């Protein structure tokens, strides 16, 4: 139906080509997402089998599970683990380190400092490590899950301040903040990103969020 005049036939071919390319891109993204999901499920399944076979679920039942995702943190993770209090708000703590495919001695160091360790055979990023840890701790019957970075940027000594609002039933999730009080300045681009996502999360949750990307948090396991 495109006429020859004024190049409309060429424009029509270009439009159809763009539509076909768009559909192919959508198909590729869909397949990539499916493969990523399947890979994540495999890694979580392997970690669970390792965790269950070693008899670790009972260790976390009715406890505060402290979840520490780690990647090549052999130099830091031991110092962080030693500072985690054995009891918070009258509830005992138990530590789970998810080694996200480290190539150093992260796993050995964490075990030497008393943590339970499960391992991803390949590096999948902090988000994947957190998902694996959340699943293991929720399935183990932990009461509360606290996430803590392995590089030492969070203060384990402040864990009670973080956990108390959850234990008291005031909130289901509590986040630490690098904005309140005093902290070292981030790169301006990162600061801008933090502000943007704080606004988005505050709008969605109808609460005042000051540091939505902070890895120091406490959450009731039954809402995970």
N, C-alpha and C. Protein backbone atom coordinates (compact mmCIF):
# COMPACT_ATOMS: atom_id res chain seq x y z
N UNK A 1 0.83 -1.22 0.00
CA UNK A 1 0.00 0.00 0.00
C UNK A 1 0.85 1.26 0.00
N UNK A 2 2.19 1.10 0.12
CA UNK A 2 3.05 2.28 0.10
C UNK A 2 3.33 2.68 -1.35
N UNK A 3 3.15 3.93 -1.63
CA UNK A 3 3.39 4.41 -2.98
C UNK A 3 4.87 4.66 -3.21
N UNK A 4 5.24 4.70 -4.48
CA UNK A 4 6.64 4.88 -4.84
C UNK A 4 7.10 6.32 -4.60
N UNK A 5 6.18 7.27 -4.66
CA UNK A 5 6.58 8.67 -4.58
C UNK A 5 7.13 9.01 -3.18
N UNK A 6 8.07 9.95 -3.20
CA UNK A 6 8.60 10.55 -1.95
C UNK A 6 9.26 9.53 -1.01
N UNK A 7 9.64 8.40 -1.53
CA UNK A 7 10.37 7.43 -0.71
C UNK A 7 9.54 6.75 0.36
N UNK A 8 8.20 6.78 0.27
CA UNK A 8 7.37 6.19 1.33
C UNK A 8 7.53 4.68 1.40
N UNK A 9 7.84 4.04 0.27
CA UNK A 9 8.02 2.58 0.31
C UNK A 9 9.25 2.22 1.14
N UNK A 10 10.33 3.00 1.00
CA UNK A 10 11.54 2.76 1.79
C UNK A 10 11.24 2.98 3.28
N UNK A 11 10.49 4.04 3.59
CA UNK A 11 10.10 4.30 4.97
C UNK A 11 9.29 3.13 5.53
N UNK A 12 8.39 2.61 4.74
CA UNK A 12 7.58 1.48 5.19
C UNK A 12 8.43 0.26 5.50
N UNK A 13 9.39 -0.05 4.63
CA UNK A 13 10.28 -1.18 4.88
C UNK A 13 11.08 -0.96 6.17
N UNK A 14 11.56 0.28 6.37
CA UNK A 14 12.32 0.59 7.58
C UNK A 14 11.48 0.39 8.83
N UNK A 15 10.21 0.84 8.77
CA UNK A 15 9.32 0.68 9.93
C UNK A 15 9.11 -0.80 10.26
N UNK A 16 8.83 -1.61 9.25
CA UNK A 16 8.65 -3.04 9.48
C UNK A 16 9.92 -3.69 10.03
N UNK A 17 11.08 -3.26 9.51
CA UNK A 17 12.35 -3.82 9.98
C UNK A 17 12.57 -3.48 11.47
N UNK A 18 12.23 -2.24 11.84
CA UNK A 18 12.39 -1.84 13.24
C UNK A 18 11.46 -2.64 14.14
N UNK A 19 10.22 -2.85 13.70
CA UNK A 19 9.28 -3.64 14.50
C UNK A 19 9.76 -5.07 14.68
N UNK A 20 10.27 -5.66 13.61
CA UNK A 20 10.79 -7.03 13.71
C UNK A 20 11.99 -7.08 14.65
N UNK A 21 12.89 -6.10 14.52
CA UNK A 21 14.06 -6.05 15.41
C UNK A 21 13.63 -5.90 16.86
N UNK A 22 12.63 -5.06 17.11
CA UNK A 22 12.11 -4.86 18.46
C UNK A 22 11.58 -6.18 19.04
N UNK A 23 10.83 -6.92 18.23
CA UNK A 23 10.29 -8.20 18.70
C UNK A 23 11.41 -9.20 18.99
N UNK A 24 12.45 -9.20 18.15
CA UNK A 24 13.58 -10.10 18.38
C UNK A 24 14.31 -9.73 19.67
N UNK A 25 14.46 -8.43 19.94
CA UNK A 25 15.10 -7.99 21.17
C UNK A 25 14.28 -8.43 22.38
N UNK A 26 12.96 -8.25 22.31
CA UNK A 26 12.09 -8.69 23.41
C UNK A 26 12.23 -10.19 23.65
N UNK A 27 12.29 -10.95 22.57
CA UNK A 27 12.43 -12.41 22.70
C UNK A 27 13.76 -12.76 23.36
N UNK A 28 14.84 -12.08 22.95
CA UNK A 28 16.15 -12.35 23.54
C UNK A 28 16.17 -11.99 25.02
N UNK A 29 15.56 -10.85 25.38
CA UNK A 29 15.49 -10.46 26.78
C UNK A 29 14.70 -11.46 27.61
N UNK A 30 13.61 -11.95 27.04
CA UNK A 30 12.79 -12.93 27.74
C UNK A 30 13.56 -14.22 27.98
N UNK A 31 14.28 -14.68 26.96
CA UNK A 31 15.07 -15.90 27.13
C UNK A 31 16.20 -15.69 28.12
N UNK A 32 16.85 -14.52 28.08
CA UNK A 32 17.91 -14.24 29.03
C UNK A 32 17.40 -14.21 30.45
N UNK A 33 16.22 -13.61 30.66
CA UNK A 33 15.63 -13.56 31.99
C UNK A 33 15.29 -14.96 32.50
N UNK A 34 14.77 -15.80 31.60
CA UNK A 34 14.42 -17.17 31.99
C UNK A 34 15.67 -17.95 32.38
N UNK A 35 16.74 -17.81 31.59
CA UNK A 35 17.98 -18.53 31.89
C UNK A 35 18.58 -18.04 33.21
N UNK A 36 18.53 -16.72 33.43
CA UNK A 36 19.04 -16.17 34.69
C UNK A 36 18.26 -16.72 35.88
N UNK A 37 16.94 -16.79 35.74
CA UNK A 37 16.12 -17.34 36.81
C UNK A 37 16.43 -18.80 37.08
N UNK A 38 16.61 -19.57 36.03
CA UNK A 38 16.93 -20.98 36.20
C UNK A 38 18.29 -21.17 36.87
N UNK A 39 19.27 -20.34 36.48
CA UNK A 39 20.60 -20.43 37.08
C UNK A 39 20.54 -20.08 38.57
N UNK A 40 19.78 -19.03 38.90
CA UNK A 40 19.63 -18.65 40.30
C UNK A 40 19.00 -19.78 41.10
N UNK A 41 17.99 -20.43 40.51
CA UNK A 41 17.33 -21.54 41.21
C UNK A 41 18.29 -22.70 41.44
N UNK A 42 19.15 -22.97 40.46
CA UNK A 42 20.14 -24.04 40.62
C UNK A 42 21.11 -23.72 41.74
N UNK A 43 21.62 -22.48 41.77
CA UNK A 43 22.57 -22.09 42.81
C UNK A 43 21.92 -22.15 44.20
N UNK A 44 20.68 -21.67 44.30
CA UNK A 44 19.98 -21.73 45.58
C UNK A 44 19.75 -23.18 46.00
N UNK A 45 19.39 -24.03 45.04
CA UNK A 45 19.17 -25.43 45.36
C UNK A 45 20.43 -26.13 45.85
N UNK A 46 21.54 -25.87 45.18
CA UNK A 46 22.81 -26.46 45.61
C UNK A 46 23.20 -25.98 47.00
N UNK A 47 23.00 -24.68 47.26
CA UNK A 47 23.33 -24.13 48.57
C UNK A 47 22.45 -24.76 49.65
N UNK A 48 21.16 -24.95 49.34
CA UNK A 48 20.25 -25.55 50.32
C UNK A 48 20.65 -26.99 50.62
N UNK A 49 21.01 -27.75 49.61
CA UNK A 49 21.41 -29.14 49.84
C UNK A 49 22.67 -29.19 50.71
N UNK A 50 23.62 -28.31 50.42
CA UNK A 50 24.84 -28.22 51.24
C UNK A 50 24.49 -27.85 52.68
N UNK A 51 23.61 -26.90 52.83
CA UNK A 51 23.19 -26.39 54.13
C UNK A 51 22.45 -27.47 54.93
N UNK A 52 21.51 -28.15 54.27
CA UNK A 52 20.69 -29.17 54.94
C UNK A 52 21.51 -30.40 55.29
N UNK A 53 22.37 -30.82 54.37
CA UNK A 53 23.16 -32.03 54.60
C UNK A 53 24.09 -31.88 55.80
N UNK A 54 24.53 -30.66 56.06
CA UNK A 54 25.42 -30.41 57.19
C UNK A 54 24.66 -30.21 58.50
N UNK A 55 23.32 -30.26 58.45
CA UNK A 55 22.52 -30.13 59.65
C UNK A 55 22.43 -28.73 60.21
N UNK A 56 22.61 -27.72 59.35
CA UNK A 56 22.63 -26.34 59.83
C UNK A 56 21.26 -25.72 60.12
N UNK A 57 20.17 -26.17 59.48
CA UNK A 57 18.89 -25.48 59.73
C UNK A 57 18.52 -25.36 61.20
N UNK A 58 18.78 -26.40 61.99
CA UNK A 58 18.43 -26.35 63.40
C UNK A 58 19.19 -25.26 64.16
N UNK A 59 20.34 -24.92 63.66
CA UNK A 59 21.17 -23.91 64.33
C UNK A 59 20.53 -22.53 64.27
N UNK A 60 19.67 -22.30 63.29
CA UNK A 60 19.09 -20.98 63.10
C UNK A 60 17.64 -20.88 63.56
N UNK A 61 17.05 -21.97 63.99
CA UNK A 61 15.64 -21.97 64.38
C UNK A 61 15.42 -21.06 65.58
N UNK A 62 14.46 -20.14 65.45
CA UNK A 62 14.08 -19.19 66.50
C UNK A 62 15.22 -18.26 66.91
N UNK A 63 16.21 -18.11 66.06
CA UNK A 63 17.35 -17.24 66.34
C UNK A 63 17.30 -15.99 65.45
N UNK A 64 18.18 -15.05 65.74
CA UNK A 64 18.43 -13.95 64.81
C UNK A 64 19.51 -14.43 63.86
N UNK A 65 19.14 -14.63 62.61
CA UNK A 65 20.11 -15.06 61.61
C UNK A 65 20.82 -13.85 61.02
N UNK A 66 22.12 -13.79 61.19
CA UNK A 66 22.91 -12.68 60.64
C UNK A 66 23.47 -13.14 59.30
N UNK A 67 23.01 -12.53 58.25
CA UNK A 67 23.36 -12.93 56.88
C UNK A 67 24.44 -12.00 56.33
N UNK A 68 25.58 -12.59 55.96
CA UNK A 68 26.71 -11.81 55.47
C UNK A 68 27.09 -12.30 54.07
N UNK A 69 26.68 -11.59 53.00
CA UNK A 69 27.15 -11.95 51.67
C UNK A 69 28.60 -11.51 51.50
N UNK A 70 29.41 -12.33 50.87
CA UNK A 70 30.84 -12.01 50.79
C UNK A 70 31.43 -12.46 49.46
N UNK A 71 32.28 -11.63 48.91
CA UNK A 71 33.01 -11.97 47.68
C UNK A 71 34.44 -11.45 47.82
N UNK A 72 35.39 -12.38 47.88
CA UNK A 72 36.81 -12.04 48.03
C UNK A 72 37.04 -11.09 49.21
N UNK A 73 36.52 -11.46 50.37
CA UNK A 73 36.63 -10.63 51.57
C UNK A 73 37.43 -11.32 52.66
N UNK A 74 38.40 -12.15 52.29
CA UNK A 74 39.19 -12.87 53.29
C UNK A 74 39.91 -11.92 54.25
N UNK A 75 40.29 -10.75 53.77
CA UNK A 75 41.04 -9.81 54.60
C UNK A 75 40.16 -9.10 55.63
N UNK A 76 38.82 -9.10 55.41
CA UNK A 76 37.94 -8.31 56.27
C UNK A 76 36.91 -9.13 57.04
N UNK A 77 36.45 -10.24 56.46
CA UNK A 77 35.28 -10.91 57.02
C UNK A 77 35.51 -11.42 58.43
N UNK A 78 36.72 -11.86 58.76
CA UNK A 78 36.99 -12.37 60.10
C UNK A 78 36.80 -11.31 61.16
N UNK A 79 37.29 -10.10 60.91
CA UNK A 79 37.14 -9.01 61.87
C UNK A 79 35.67 -8.64 62.07
N UNK A 80 34.90 -8.67 60.98
CA UNK A 80 33.47 -8.36 61.08
C UNK A 80 32.76 -9.42 61.91
N UNK A 81 33.03 -10.69 61.64
CA UNK A 81 32.36 -11.77 62.36
C UNK A 81 32.67 -11.74 63.85
N UNK A 82 33.90 -11.41 64.20
CA UNK A 82 34.28 -11.37 65.62
C UNK A 82 33.53 -10.29 66.39
N UNK A 83 33.03 -9.29 65.70
CA UNK A 83 32.35 -8.17 66.38
C UNK A 83 30.84 -8.36 66.46
N UNK A 84 30.31 -9.41 65.84
CA UNK A 84 28.86 -9.66 65.90
C UNK A 84 28.50 -10.15 67.30
N UNK A 85 27.56 -9.50 67.98
CA UNK A 85 27.23 -9.90 69.35
C UNK A 85 26.56 -11.28 69.38
N UNK A 86 26.84 -12.09 70.42
CA UNK A 86 26.23 -13.42 70.51
C UNK A 86 24.74 -13.38 70.83
N UNK A 87 24.27 -12.23 71.29
CA UNK A 87 22.86 -12.08 71.67
C UNK A 87 22.43 -10.65 71.40
N UNK A 88 21.23 -10.49 70.83
CA UNK A 88 20.69 -9.17 70.54
C UNK A 88 19.25 -9.12 71.02
N UNK A 89 18.93 -8.15 71.85
CA UNK A 89 17.58 -8.00 72.39
C UNK A 89 17.08 -9.29 73.05
N UNK A 90 17.99 -9.99 73.71
CA UNK A 90 17.62 -11.20 74.42
C UNK A 90 17.47 -12.44 73.54
N UNK A 91 17.80 -12.34 72.25
CA UNK A 91 17.69 -13.46 71.32
C UNK A 91 19.08 -13.80 70.81
N UNK A 92 19.42 -15.09 70.82
CA UNK A 92 20.74 -15.50 70.36
C UNK A 92 20.88 -15.27 68.85
N UNK A 93 22.11 -15.02 68.43
CA UNK A 93 22.40 -14.83 67.01
C UNK A 93 23.15 -16.04 66.45
N UNK A 94 22.96 -16.29 65.18
CA UNK A 94 23.71 -17.31 64.45
C UNK A 94 24.05 -16.71 63.10
N UNK A 95 25.27 -16.94 62.63
CA UNK A 95 25.78 -16.23 61.46
C UNK A 95 25.87 -17.15 60.25
N UNK A 96 25.34 -16.67 59.13
CA UNK A 96 25.44 -17.37 57.84
C UNK A 96 26.19 -16.49 56.86
N UNK A 97 27.30 -16.98 56.34
CA UNK A 97 28.04 -16.28 55.29
C UNK A 97 27.76 -16.97 53.96
N UNK A 98 27.30 -16.20 52.98
CA UNK A 98 27.10 -16.73 51.63
C UNK A 98 28.30 -16.28 50.80
N UNK A 99 29.20 -17.23 50.53
CA UNK A 99 30.39 -16.96 49.73
C UNK A 99 30.00 -16.99 48.26
N UNK A 100 30.00 -15.82 47.64
CA UNK A 100 29.49 -15.69 46.27
C UNK A 100 30.59 -15.94 45.25
N UNK A 101 31.13 -17.16 45.25
CA UNK A 101 32.13 -17.54 44.25
C UNK A 101 33.49 -16.91 44.46
N UNK A 102 33.88 -16.67 45.71
CA UNK A 102 35.18 -16.04 45.98
C UNK A 102 36.34 -16.89 45.47
N UNK A 103 37.42 -16.21 45.09
CA UNK A 103 38.63 -16.91 44.64
C UNK A 103 39.75 -16.82 45.67
N UNK A 104 39.45 -16.26 46.84
CA UNK A 104 40.44 -16.22 47.90
C UNK A 104 40.00 -17.15 49.03
N UNK A 105 40.45 -16.90 50.24
CA UNK A 105 40.17 -17.79 51.37
C UNK A 105 38.97 -17.33 52.21
N UNK A 106 38.02 -16.64 51.57
CA UNK A 106 36.85 -16.14 52.31
C UNK A 106 36.13 -17.25 53.05
N UNK A 107 35.88 -18.36 52.39
CA UNK A 107 35.14 -19.46 53.01
C UNK A 107 35.88 -20.00 54.24
N UNK A 108 37.17 -20.26 54.11
CA UNK A 108 37.96 -20.82 55.22
C UNK A 108 38.03 -19.85 56.39
N UNK A 109 38.22 -18.57 56.09
CA UNK A 109 38.31 -17.58 57.16
C UNK A 109 36.99 -17.47 57.91
N UNK A 110 35.89 -17.44 57.17
CA UNK A 110 34.57 -17.32 57.81
C UNK A 110 34.29 -18.53 58.70
N UNK A 111 34.61 -19.72 58.23
CA UNK A 111 34.40 -20.92 59.05
C UNK A 111 35.29 -20.90 60.28
N UNK A 112 36.52 -20.42 60.14
CA UNK A 112 37.43 -20.35 61.27
C UNK A 112 36.94 -19.39 62.34
N UNK A 113 36.11 -18.43 61.95
CA UNK A 113 35.58 -17.46 62.92
C UNK A 113 34.15 -17.80 63.34
N UNK A 114 33.75 -19.05 63.13
CA UNK A 114 32.52 -19.56 63.71
C UNK A 114 31.26 -19.43 62.89
N UNK A 115 31.35 -18.98 61.65
CA UNK A 115 30.15 -18.82 60.82
C UNK A 115 29.83 -20.09 60.05
N UNK A 116 28.55 -20.29 59.77
CA UNK A 116 28.13 -21.30 58.81
C UNK A 116 28.33 -20.70 57.42
N UNK A 117 28.91 -21.46 56.51
CA UNK A 117 29.20 -20.94 55.17
C UNK A 117 28.54 -21.81 54.11
N UNK A 118 27.83 -21.18 53.19
CA UNK A 118 27.39 -21.85 51.95
C UNK A 118 28.02 -21.10 50.80
N UNK A 119 28.17 -21.78 49.69
CA UNK A 119 28.98 -21.20 48.61
C UNK A 119 28.27 -21.29 47.27
N UNK A 120 28.27 -20.18 46.53
CA UNK A 120 27.92 -20.20 45.12
C UNK A 120 29.16 -20.63 44.33
N UNK A 121 28.99 -21.54 43.40
CA UNK A 121 30.15 -22.03 42.66
C UNK A 121 30.66 -20.98 41.66
N UNK A 122 29.81 -20.00 41.32
CA UNK A 122 30.24 -18.89 40.47
C UNK A 122 29.74 -17.60 41.10
N UNK A 123 30.38 -16.49 40.74
CA UNK A 123 29.97 -15.20 41.28
C UNK A 123 28.72 -14.72 40.56
N UNK A 124 27.67 -14.41 41.36
CA UNK A 124 26.41 -13.95 40.78
C UNK A 124 25.99 -12.58 41.29
N UNK A 125 26.80 -11.98 42.17
CA UNK A 125 26.49 -10.65 42.66
C UNK A 125 25.82 -10.68 44.03
N UNK A 126 25.85 -9.51 44.68
CA UNK A 126 25.32 -9.40 46.02
C UNK A 126 23.85 -9.72 46.13
N UNK A 127 23.07 -9.33 45.13
CA UNK A 127 21.63 -9.61 45.17
C UNK A 127 21.34 -11.10 45.20
N UNK A 128 22.05 -11.87 44.39
CA UNK A 128 21.84 -13.32 44.36
C UNK A 128 22.26 -13.95 45.68
N UNK A 129 23.36 -13.46 46.26
CA UNK A 129 23.81 -13.99 47.55
C UNK A 129 22.78 -13.72 48.63
N UNK A 130 22.18 -12.53 48.62
CA UNK A 130 21.14 -12.20 49.60
C UNK A 130 19.92 -13.10 49.40
N UNK A 131 19.50 -13.31 48.16
CA UNK A 131 18.33 -14.16 47.92
C UNK A 131 18.55 -15.57 48.44
N UNK A 132 19.75 -16.11 48.19
CA UNK A 132 20.07 -17.45 48.70
C UNK A 132 20.02 -17.47 50.22
N UNK A 133 20.65 -16.48 50.85
CA UNK A 133 20.66 -16.43 52.31
C UNK A 133 19.27 -16.27 52.90
N UNK A 134 18.45 -15.41 52.29
CA UNK A 134 17.09 -15.22 52.77
C UNK A 134 16.31 -16.53 52.71
N UNK A 135 16.46 -17.24 51.61
CA UNK A 135 15.72 -18.50 51.47
C UNK A 135 16.15 -19.50 52.53
N UNK A 136 17.44 -19.65 52.73
CA UNK A 136 17.93 -20.63 53.70
C UNK A 136 17.46 -20.29 55.11
N UNK A 137 17.55 -19.02 55.49
CA UNK A 137 17.19 -18.63 56.85
C UNK A 137 15.68 -18.69 57.08
N UNK A 138 14.91 -18.29 56.07
CA UNK A 138 13.45 -18.37 56.20
C UNK A 138 13.01 -19.83 56.33
N UNK A 139 13.59 -20.71 55.52
CA UNK A 139 13.24 -22.13 55.57
C UNK A 139 13.73 -22.80 56.85
N UNK A 140 14.70 -22.19 57.52
CA UNK A 140 15.24 -22.77 58.74
C UNK A 140 14.48 -22.34 59.99
N UNK A 141 13.52 -21.43 59.85
CA UNK A 141 12.74 -21.00 60.99
C UNK A 141 13.37 -19.89 61.81
N UNK A 142 14.29 -19.12 61.20
CA UNK A 142 14.86 -17.98 61.92
C UNK A 142 13.76 -16.98 62.24
N UNK A 143 13.90 -16.28 63.35
CA UNK A 143 12.89 -15.31 63.75
C UNK A 143 13.07 -13.99 63.03
N UNK A 144 14.31 -13.51 62.98
CA UNK A 144 14.65 -12.25 62.33
C UNK A 144 15.92 -12.46 61.53
N UNK A 145 16.02 -11.80 60.39
CA UNK A 145 17.23 -11.87 59.57
C UNK A 145 17.85 -10.48 59.50
N UNK A 146 19.12 -10.40 59.88
CA UNK A 146 19.88 -9.16 59.79
C UNK A 146 20.91 -9.31 58.68
N UNK A 147 20.96 -8.38 57.75
CA UNK A 147 21.97 -8.41 56.70
C UNK A 147 23.08 -7.43 57.06
N UNK A 148 24.30 -7.85 56.76
CA UNK A 148 25.49 -7.10 57.18
C UNK A 148 26.58 -7.31 56.13
N UNK A 149 27.18 -6.23 55.64
CA UNK A 149 28.23 -6.37 54.63
C UNK A 149 29.52 -6.91 55.25
N UNK A 150 30.29 -7.60 54.43
CA UNK A 150 31.51 -8.26 54.91
C UNK A 150 32.73 -7.35 54.90
N UNK A 151 32.61 -6.14 54.35
CA UNK A 151 33.79 -5.29 54.19
C UNK A 151 34.05 -4.37 55.38
N UNK A 152 33.21 -4.44 56.41
CA UNK A 152 33.44 -3.65 57.60
C UNK A 152 32.80 -2.28 57.60
N UNK A 153 32.01 -1.94 56.58
CA UNK A 153 31.42 -0.60 56.54
C UNK A 153 30.28 -0.44 57.55
N UNK A 154 29.68 -1.55 58.00
CA UNK A 154 28.62 -1.48 58.99
C UNK A 154 29.17 -1.83 60.37
N UNK A 155 28.55 -1.31 61.41
CA UNK A 155 29.00 -1.52 62.77
C UNK A 155 28.13 -2.59 63.45
N UNK A 156 28.67 -3.80 63.65
CA UNK A 156 27.89 -4.82 64.35
C UNK A 156 27.48 -4.39 65.75
N UNK A 157 28.23 -3.49 66.35
CA UNK A 157 27.91 -3.02 67.69
C UNK A 157 26.57 -2.27 67.74
N UNK A 158 26.09 -1.80 66.60
CA UNK A 158 24.82 -1.07 66.56
C UNK A 158 23.64 -1.97 66.22
N UNK A 159 23.86 -3.28 66.20
CA UNK A 159 22.82 -4.21 65.75
C UNK A 159 21.57 -4.14 66.62
N UNK A 160 21.73 -3.94 67.91
CA UNK A 160 20.55 -3.89 68.79
C UNK A 160 19.65 -2.72 68.45
N UNK A 161 20.23 -1.58 68.11
CA UNK A 161 19.43 -0.41 67.71
C UNK A 161 18.64 -0.71 66.44
N UNK A 162 19.21 -1.51 65.57
CA UNK A 162 18.55 -1.86 64.31
C UNK A 162 17.43 -2.87 64.54
N UNK A 163 17.68 -3.85 65.41
CA UNK A 163 16.75 -4.97 65.59
C UNK A 163 15.60 -4.64 66.53
N UNK A 164 15.81 -3.75 67.48
CA UNK A 164 14.81 -3.51 68.52
C UNK A 164 13.44 -3.11 67.98
N UNK A 165 13.33 -2.21 66.99
CA UNK A 165 11.99 -1.89 66.48
C UNK A 165 11.26 -3.10 65.88
N UNK A 166 12.02 -4.05 65.32
CA UNK A 166 11.41 -5.26 64.77
C UNK A 166 10.96 -6.19 65.89
N UNK A 167 11.82 -6.38 66.90
CA UNK A 167 11.48 -7.23 68.04
C UNK A 167 10.27 -6.67 68.78
N UNK A 168 10.19 -5.35 68.91
CA UNK A 168 9.08 -4.72 69.63
C UNK A 168 7.79 -4.68 68.83
N UNK A 169 7.82 -5.12 67.56
CA UNK A 169 6.62 -5.14 66.75
C UNK A 169 6.25 -3.81 66.14
N UNK A 170 7.15 -2.83 66.19
CA UNK A 170 6.85 -1.52 65.61
C UNK A 170 6.88 -1.57 64.09
N UNK A 171 7.81 -2.35 63.53
CA UNK A 171 7.96 -2.46 62.08
C UNK A 171 8.30 -3.89 61.71
N UNK A 172 8.11 -4.23 60.45
CA UNK A 172 8.52 -5.55 59.95
C UNK A 172 9.93 -5.51 59.37
N UNK A 173 10.33 -4.33 58.90
CA UNK A 173 11.65 -4.17 58.29
C UNK A 173 12.28 -2.87 58.81
N UNK A 174 13.54 -2.92 59.20
CA UNK A 174 14.26 -1.72 59.62
C UNK A 174 15.55 -1.62 58.82
N UNK A 175 15.82 -0.43 58.28
CA UNK A 175 17.04 -0.18 57.51
C UNK A 175 17.96 0.76 58.27
N UNK A 176 19.25 0.46 58.25
CA UNK A 176 20.23 1.42 58.72
C UNK A 176 20.32 2.57 57.74
N UNK A 177 21.00 3.63 58.13
CA UNK A 177 21.12 4.80 57.26
C UNK A 177 22.52 5.38 57.33
N UNK A 178 23.07 5.69 56.16
CA UNK A 178 24.35 6.38 56.08
C UNK A 178 24.15 7.88 55.91
N UNK A 179 22.89 8.32 55.95
CA UNK A 179 22.57 9.73 55.77
C UNK A 179 22.37 10.41 57.12
N UNK A 180 21.65 9.74 58.02
CA UNK A 180 21.46 10.28 59.36
C UNK A 180 22.79 10.22 60.11
N UNK A 181 23.05 11.24 60.94
CA UNK A 181 24.32 11.25 61.67
C UNK A 181 25.45 11.69 60.77
N UNK A 182 26.62 11.09 60.96
CA UNK A 182 27.80 11.48 60.20
C UNK A 182 28.36 10.29 59.43
N UNK A 183 28.83 10.53 58.22
CA UNK A 183 29.41 9.47 57.39
C UNK A 183 30.32 10.09 56.36
N UNK A 184 31.21 9.31 55.80
CA UNK A 184 32.07 9.79 54.72
C UNK A 184 31.24 10.03 53.47
N UNK A 185 31.60 11.06 52.71
CA UNK A 185 30.86 11.39 51.50
C UNK A 185 31.12 10.37 50.41
N UNK A 186 30.05 9.99 49.67
CA UNK A 186 30.18 9.14 48.51
C UNK A 186 30.51 9.98 47.28
N UNK A 187 30.74 9.29 46.16
CA UNK A 187 30.90 9.97 44.88
C UNK A 187 29.60 10.71 44.56
N UNK A 188 29.67 11.91 43.98
CA UNK A 188 28.44 12.68 43.70
C UNK A 188 27.39 11.91 42.91
N UNK A 189 27.82 11.11 41.94
CA UNK A 189 26.85 10.34 41.15
C UNK A 189 26.14 9.32 42.03
N UNK A 190 26.89 8.69 42.93
CA UNK A 190 26.27 7.72 43.84
C UNK A 190 25.32 8.42 44.81
N UNK A 191 25.72 9.59 45.29
CA UNK A 191 24.85 10.36 46.19
C UNK A 191 23.53 10.69 45.48
N UNK A 192 23.63 11.10 44.21
CA UNK A 192 22.42 11.43 43.45
C UNK A 192 21.53 10.20 43.28
N UNK A 193 22.15 9.05 43.01
CA UNK A 193 21.38 7.82 42.88
C UNK A 193 20.67 7.45 44.16
N UNK A 194 21.36 7.61 45.30
CA UNK A 194 20.75 7.30 46.60
C UNK A 194 19.54 8.19 46.84
N UNK A 195 19.68 9.48 46.56
CA UNK A 195 18.57 10.41 46.74
C UNK A 195 17.38 10.02 45.87
N UNK A 196 17.66 9.67 44.60
CA UNK A 196 16.59 9.32 43.67
C UNK A 196 15.82 8.09 44.15
N UNK A 197 16.55 7.02 44.49
CA UNK A 197 15.88 5.80 44.91
C UNK A 197 15.19 5.96 46.26
N UNK A 198 15.74 6.81 47.14
CA UNK A 198 15.04 7.10 48.39
C UNK A 198 13.66 7.69 48.11
N UNK A 199 13.60 8.62 47.14
CA UNK A 199 12.32 9.24 46.80
C UNK A 199 11.35 8.22 46.23
N UNK A 200 11.86 7.34 45.35
CA UNK A 200 10.99 6.34 44.74
C UNK A 200 10.44 5.38 45.79
N UNK A 201 11.33 4.84 46.65
CA UNK A 201 10.90 3.89 47.67
C UNK A 201 9.98 4.56 48.69
N UNK A 202 10.27 5.79 49.05
CA UNK A 202 9.39 6.52 49.97
C UNK A 202 8.00 6.69 49.39
N UNK A 203 7.93 6.97 48.08
CA UNK A 203 6.63 7.13 47.42
C UNK A 203 5.85 5.83 47.40
N UNK A 204 6.55 4.73 47.09
CA UNK A 204 5.88 3.43 46.99
C UNK A 204 5.40 2.95 48.36
N UNK A 205 6.24 3.10 49.37
CA UNK A 205 5.93 2.55 50.69
C UNK A 205 5.21 3.55 51.59
N UNK A 206 5.10 4.81 51.14
CA UNK A 206 4.45 5.86 51.92
C UNK A 206 5.12 6.03 53.29
N UNK A 207 6.43 5.92 53.29
CA UNK A 207 7.22 6.15 54.50
C UNK A 207 8.36 7.08 54.13
N UNK A 208 9.09 7.52 55.14
CA UNK A 208 10.25 8.39 54.89
C UNK A 208 11.51 7.53 54.92
N UNK A 209 12.06 7.25 53.75
CA UNK A 209 13.25 6.41 53.62
C UNK A 209 14.45 7.32 53.37
N UNK A 210 15.52 7.17 54.16
CA UNK A 210 16.69 8.02 54.00
C UNK A 210 17.86 7.33 53.30
N UNK A 211 17.83 5.99 53.24
CA UNK A 211 18.97 5.28 52.64
C UNK A 211 18.52 3.90 52.18
N UNK A 212 17.77 3.87 51.08
CA UNK A 212 17.15 2.62 50.63
C UNK A 212 18.14 1.57 50.16
N UNK A 213 19.35 1.99 49.79
CA UNK A 213 20.33 1.03 49.26
C UNK A 213 21.28 0.51 50.34
N UNK A 214 21.03 0.86 51.59
CA UNK A 214 21.90 0.43 52.67
C UNK A 214 21.77 -1.08 52.87
N UNK A 215 22.90 -1.76 52.99
CA UNK A 215 22.90 -3.21 53.17
C UNK A 215 22.73 -3.66 54.60
N UNK A 216 22.61 -2.71 55.54
CA UNK A 216 22.46 -3.06 56.96
C UNK A 216 20.97 -2.98 57.30
N UNK A 217 20.32 -4.12 57.45
CA UNK A 217 18.88 -4.12 57.66
C UNK A 217 18.47 -5.30 58.53
N UNK A 218 17.28 -5.20 59.10
CA UNK A 218 16.68 -6.28 59.87
C UNK A 218 15.26 -6.49 59.38
N UNK A 219 14.86 -7.74 59.21
CA UNK A 219 13.53 -8.05 58.69
C UNK A 219 12.99 -9.29 59.38
N UNK A 220 11.70 -9.27 59.70
CA UNK A 220 11.05 -10.46 60.22
C UNK A 220 11.06 -11.54 59.15
N UNK A 221 11.48 -12.73 59.54
CA UNK A 221 11.64 -13.79 58.55
C UNK A 221 10.31 -14.20 57.92
N UNK A 222 9.21 -14.02 58.65
CA UNK A 222 7.92 -14.46 58.11
C UNK A 222 7.40 -13.56 57.00
N UNK A 223 8.03 -12.42 56.77
CA UNK A 223 7.59 -11.55 55.66
C UNK A 223 8.54 -11.62 54.47
N UNK A 224 9.56 -12.46 54.56
CA UNK A 224 10.53 -12.51 53.46
C UNK A 224 9.90 -13.04 52.18
